[in-house]
Amino acid sequence: MRWTRHPLTRAAALAASVYLVIAYAEERSLFFWVGLVLVALNVVGILAQARSSRSRALPEPVRADPDATSARLSELLHDPAIAAGWATAPAYWVRVTDPDGRHDPTDDVVPAAVLARHVRVALQVAEESEWHVVVEAAAQPFLDLDATDGDDAVLGFLRAHPLVAEARHEQRGVYVVRLHRAVALDRFARLAARALAAGQVQAASRLR
């Protein structure tokens, strides 16, 4: 019955069991041993229920389709190599620009895992191995997207990679990357994660 699993019911049962143990401790009668067994059973039940509640509270990891050609970075962070690339920047990213001048100061530092939800990688032209890295509005203030071509750390990282044939900044929040050969989504996402992390590290360093 569900009521027997209620925390208050379990607590009351535990208290009654403890009372039996204390009350009959000296004479060590049958009630003492019954109480001792009930204490153990109730403690085990409470711990099991707590573990079960914690496991239910944890959200299921979101994962991209293995055969997909586009995904949000947050859907790919279960891949250790992609997570490691994203982790080359600090766990909390620092706001480096304020395009509209109306930002909330409490958002000056945001967890990298949250910002990963606002970055998308997508294959645009399969024949030319052309990919787009899309930085959505929520993540844009954490990168210097107005930097010149030669001063853009994201472009600098991409262009230095042997797999990249061309990298350019097409729109404020869109990087276009053409590769020398076709690769799977996860392979490109590793590159994109490291490039964007490099962009945050460079931009944040300029604030010091």
Protein backbone atom coordinates (compact mmCIF):
# COMPACT_ATOMS: atom_id res chain seq x y z
CA MET A 1 0.00 0.00 0.00
CA ARG A 2 1.26 3.45 -0.94
CA TRP A 3 0.59 4.99 2.49
CA THR A 4 3.12 2.65 4.06
CA ARG A 5 5.80 4.22 1.83
CA HIS A 6 5.03 7.77 2.91
CA PRO A 7 8.05 9.39 4.64
CA LEU A 8 5.97 10.24 7.74
CA THR A 9 4.74 6.65 8.04
CA ARG A 10 8.27 5.32 7.70
CA ALA A 11 9.53 7.83 10.29
CA ALA A 12 6.80 6.83 12.73
CA ALA A 13 7.60 3.13 12.26
CA LEU A 14 11.29 3.84 12.82
CA ALA A 15 10.53 5.81 15.99
CA ALA A 16 8.37 2.96 17.34
CA SER A 17 11.10 0.45 16.58
CA VAL A 18 13.71 2.56 18.35
CA TYR A 19 11.39 2.85 21.35
CA LEU A 20 11.13 -0.96 21.58
CA VAL A 21 14.91 -1.28 21.49
CA ILE A 22 15.42 1.35 24.21
CA ALA A 23 12.56 0.18 26.44
CA TYR A 24 13.61 -3.46 26.47
CA ALA A 25 17.38 -3.01 26.21
CA GLU A 26 18.11 -4.09 29.77
CA GLU A 27 16.10 -7.30 29.81
CA ARG A 28 16.87 -8.20 26.18
CA SER A 29 13.43 -9.76 25.79
CA LEU A 30 11.70 -10.75 22.55
CA PHE A 31 10.48 -7.16 22.11
CA PHE A 32 14.06 -5.91 22.13
CA TRP A 33 15.07 -8.18 19.26
CA VAL A 34 11.87 -7.47 17.33
CA GLY A 35 12.57 -3.75 17.72
CA LEU A 36 16.15 -4.21 16.57
CA VAL A 37 15.06 -6.04 13.42
CA LEU A 38 12.40 -3.41 12.67
CA VAL A 39 14.95 -0.59 13.08
CA ALA A 40 17.22 -2.27 10.54
CA LEU A 41 14.35 -2.90 8.09
CA ASN A 42 13.07 0.67 8.37
CA VAL A 43 16.52 2.20 7.89
CA VAL A 44 17.08 0.03 4.78
CA GLY A 45 13.64 1.02 3.45
CA ILE A 46 14.24 4.74 4.01
CA LEU A 47 17.66 4.62 2.30
CA ALA A 48 16.26 2.66 -0.66
CA GLN A 49 13.42 5.14 -1.06
CA ALA A 50 15.85 8.08 -0.95
CA ARG A 51 18.03 6.49 -3.65
CA SER A 52 14.97 5.80 -5.78
CA SER A 53 13.77 9.41 -5.44
CA ARG A 54 17.18 10.76 -6.45
CA SER A 55 17.35 8.53 -9.52
CA ARG A 56 13.87 9.60 -10.62
CA ALA A 57 14.80 13.26 -10.18
CA LEU A 58 17.78 13.01 -12.53
CA PRO A 59 16.79 13.95 -16.10
CA GLU A 60 17.44 11.44 -18.83
CA PRO A 61 20.39 12.54 -20.97
CA VAL A 62 19.31 13.93 -24.32
CA ARG A 63 21.13 12.32 -27.20
CA ALA A 64 21.14 13.02 -30.89
CA ASP A 65 20.31 10.33 -33.43
CA PRO A 66 23.61 8.56 -34.28
CA ASP A 67 22.86 9.05 -37.99
CA ALA A 68 21.80 12.70 -37.66
CA THR A 69 23.46 15.49 -39.60
CA SER A 70 22.54 18.22 -37.13
CA ALA A 71 22.21 18.52 -33.36
CA ARG A 72 22.56 20.87 -30.44
CA LEU A 73 25.90 20.56 -28.72
CA SER A 74 24.12 19.62 -25.47
CA GLU A 75 22.79 16.49 -27.20
CA LEU A 76 26.33 15.35 -27.93
CA LEU A 77 28.11 15.94 -24.63
CA HIS A 78 27.74 12.27 -23.67
CA ASP A 79 30.61 11.71 -26.12
CA PRO A 80 33.77 11.98 -23.97
CA ALA A 81 35.78 13.61 -26.77
CA ILE A 82 33.15 16.29 -27.37
CA ALA A 83 32.75 16.90 -23.63
CA ALA A 84 36.54 17.16 -23.30
CA GLY A 85 36.65 19.72 -26.11
CA TRP A 86 33.93 21.81 -24.49
CA ALA A 87 35.75 21.53 -21.16
CA THR A 88 38.87 23.23 -22.56
CA ALA A 89 37.05 26.42 -21.53
CA PRO A 90 36.07 26.92 -17.86
CA ALA A 91 32.95 25.22 -16.48
CA TYR A 92 31.36 28.69 -16.23
CA TRP A 93 31.50 31.07 -19.19
CA VAL A 94 31.84 34.81 -18.71
CA ARG A 95 29.79 37.35 -20.66
CA VAL A 96 32.13 39.34 -22.90
CA THR A 97 29.73 41.50 -24.93
CA ASP A 98 26.45 43.26 -24.34
CA PRO A 99 24.87 43.85 -27.77
CA ASP A 100 21.66 45.51 -26.58
CA GLY A 101 22.94 47.01 -23.30
CA ARG A 102 20.04 45.51 -21.37
CA HIS A 103 21.41 42.29 -19.96
CA ASP A 104 20.67 41.02 -16.47
CA PRO A 105 23.89 41.24 -14.37
CA THR A 106 23.02 37.86 -12.80
CA ASP A 107 23.67 36.32 -16.22
CA ASP A 108 27.28 37.51 -16.42
CA VAL A 109 28.50 34.02 -15.60
CA VAL A 110 26.65 30.97 -16.97
CA PRO A 111 27.45 27.23 -16.81
CA ALA A 112 29.02 25.93 -20.02
CA ALA A 113 26.55 23.03 -19.99
CA VAL A 114 23.65 25.51 -20.21
CA LEU A 115 25.22 27.39 -23.11
CA ALA A 116 25.73 24.11 -24.98
CA ARG A 117 21.95 24.04 -25.43
CA HIS A 118 22.22 27.18 -27.54
CA VAL A 119 24.86 25.97 -30.00
CA ARG A 120 23.93 23.89 -33.02
CA VAL A 121 26.10 22.08 -35.55
CA ALA A 122 24.63 21.08 -38.91
CA LEU A 123 25.80 19.62 -42.20
CA GLN A 124 24.64 21.99 -44.94
CA VAL A 125 26.16 20.66 -48.18
CA ALA A 126 27.12 17.01 -47.96
CA GLU A 127 28.97 16.93 -51.30
CA GLU A 128 31.30 19.74 -50.18
CA SER A 129 31.48 18.67 -46.53
CA GLU A 130 30.20 22.11 -45.54
CA TRP A 131 29.08 22.53 -41.96
CA HIS A 132 27.50 25.38 -40.03
CA VAL A 133 28.14 26.19 -36.37
CA VAL A 134 25.17 28.24 -35.19
CA VAL A 135 25.55 30.28 -31.99
CA GLU A 136 22.06 31.27 -30.89
CA ALA A 137 21.19 34.57 -29.20
CA ALA A 138 21.47 33.22 -25.64
CA ALA A 139 25.09 32.16 -26.19
CA GLN A 140 26.27 35.03 -28.39
CA PRO A 141 27.26 37.43 -25.56
CA PHE A 142 29.83 34.86 -24.39
CA LEU A 143 31.85 35.06 -27.61
CA ASP A 144 33.36 38.05 -29.38
CA LEU A 145 31.36 37.62 -32.57
CA ASP A 146 32.26 41.14 -33.73
CA ALA A 147 36.00 40.45 -33.80
CA THR A 148 37.78 40.92 -37.10
CA ASP A 149 38.64 37.85 -39.14
CA GLY A 150 42.27 37.89 -38.05
CA ASP A 151 41.37 38.42 -34.40
CA ASP A 152 38.59 35.82 -34.13
CA ALA A 153 39.86 32.94 -31.95
CA VAL A 154 37.12 30.62 -33.21
CA LEU A 155 38.15 31.14 -36.83
CA GLY A 156 41.80 30.94 -35.86
CA PHE A 157 41.34 27.55 -34.23
CA LEU A 158 39.28 26.20 -37.13
CA ARG A 159 41.69 27.41 -39.82
CA ALA A 160 44.65 25.88 -38.02
CA HIS A 161 43.09 22.42 -38.00
CA PRO A 162 44.35 20.07 -40.75
CA LEU A 163 40.83 18.82 -41.47
CA VAL A 164 39.55 22.31 -42.34
CA ALA A 165 39.76 23.59 -45.91
CA GLU A 166 37.94 26.88 -45.26
CA ALA A 167 36.32 28.66 -42.31
CA ARG A 168 34.47 31.95 -42.40
CA HIS A 169 32.06 34.01 -40.34
CA GLU A 170 28.93 34.25 -42.51
CA GLN A 171 26.51 35.94 -40.10
CA ARG A 172 26.95 37.22 -36.56
CA GLY A 173 26.02 33.89 -35.05
CA VAL A 174 26.96 31.53 -37.89
CA TYR A 175 30.34 30.03 -38.75
CA VAL A 176 30.68 28.18 -42.05
CA VAL A 177 33.28 25.43 -42.14
CA ARG A 178 34.25 23.39 -45.21
CA LEU A 179 36.30 20.26 -44.62
CA HIS A 180 38.78 18.42 -46.81
CA ARG A 181 36.75 15.24 -46.45
CA ALA A 182 33.41 14.01 -45.16
CA VAL A 183 33.13 13.24 -41.44
CA ALA A 184 30.35 12.16 -39.11
CA LEU A 185 28.45 14.59 -36.90
CA ASP A 186 30.30 13.62 -33.73
CA ARG A 187 33.71 14.19 -35.35
CA PHE A 188 32.77 17.68 -36.50
CA ALA A 189 31.16 18.48 -33.13
CA ARG A 190 34.48 17.75 -31.39
CA LEU A 191 36.15 20.35 -33.58
CA ALA A 192 33.35 22.89 -33.13
CA ALA A 193 33.34 22.45 -29.33
CA ARG A 194 37.07 23.13 -29.08
CA ALA A 195 36.89 26.11 -31.42
CA LEU A 196 34.09 27.80 -29.47
CA ALA A 197 35.82 27.06 -26.16
CA ALA A 198 38.93 28.76 -27.54
CA GLY A 199 36.76 31.75 -28.44
CA GLN A 200 35.45 32.07 -24.87
CA VAL A 201 38.92 31.68 -23.34
CA GLN A 202 40.39 34.42 -25.54
CA ALA A 203 37.47 36.82 -25.13
CA ALA A 204 37.32 36.33 -21.34
CA SER A 205 41.07 36.89 -21.01
CA ARG A 206 40.66 40.37 -22.47
CA LEU A 207 38.38 41.35 -19.60
CA ARG A 208 41.15 40.89 -17.03
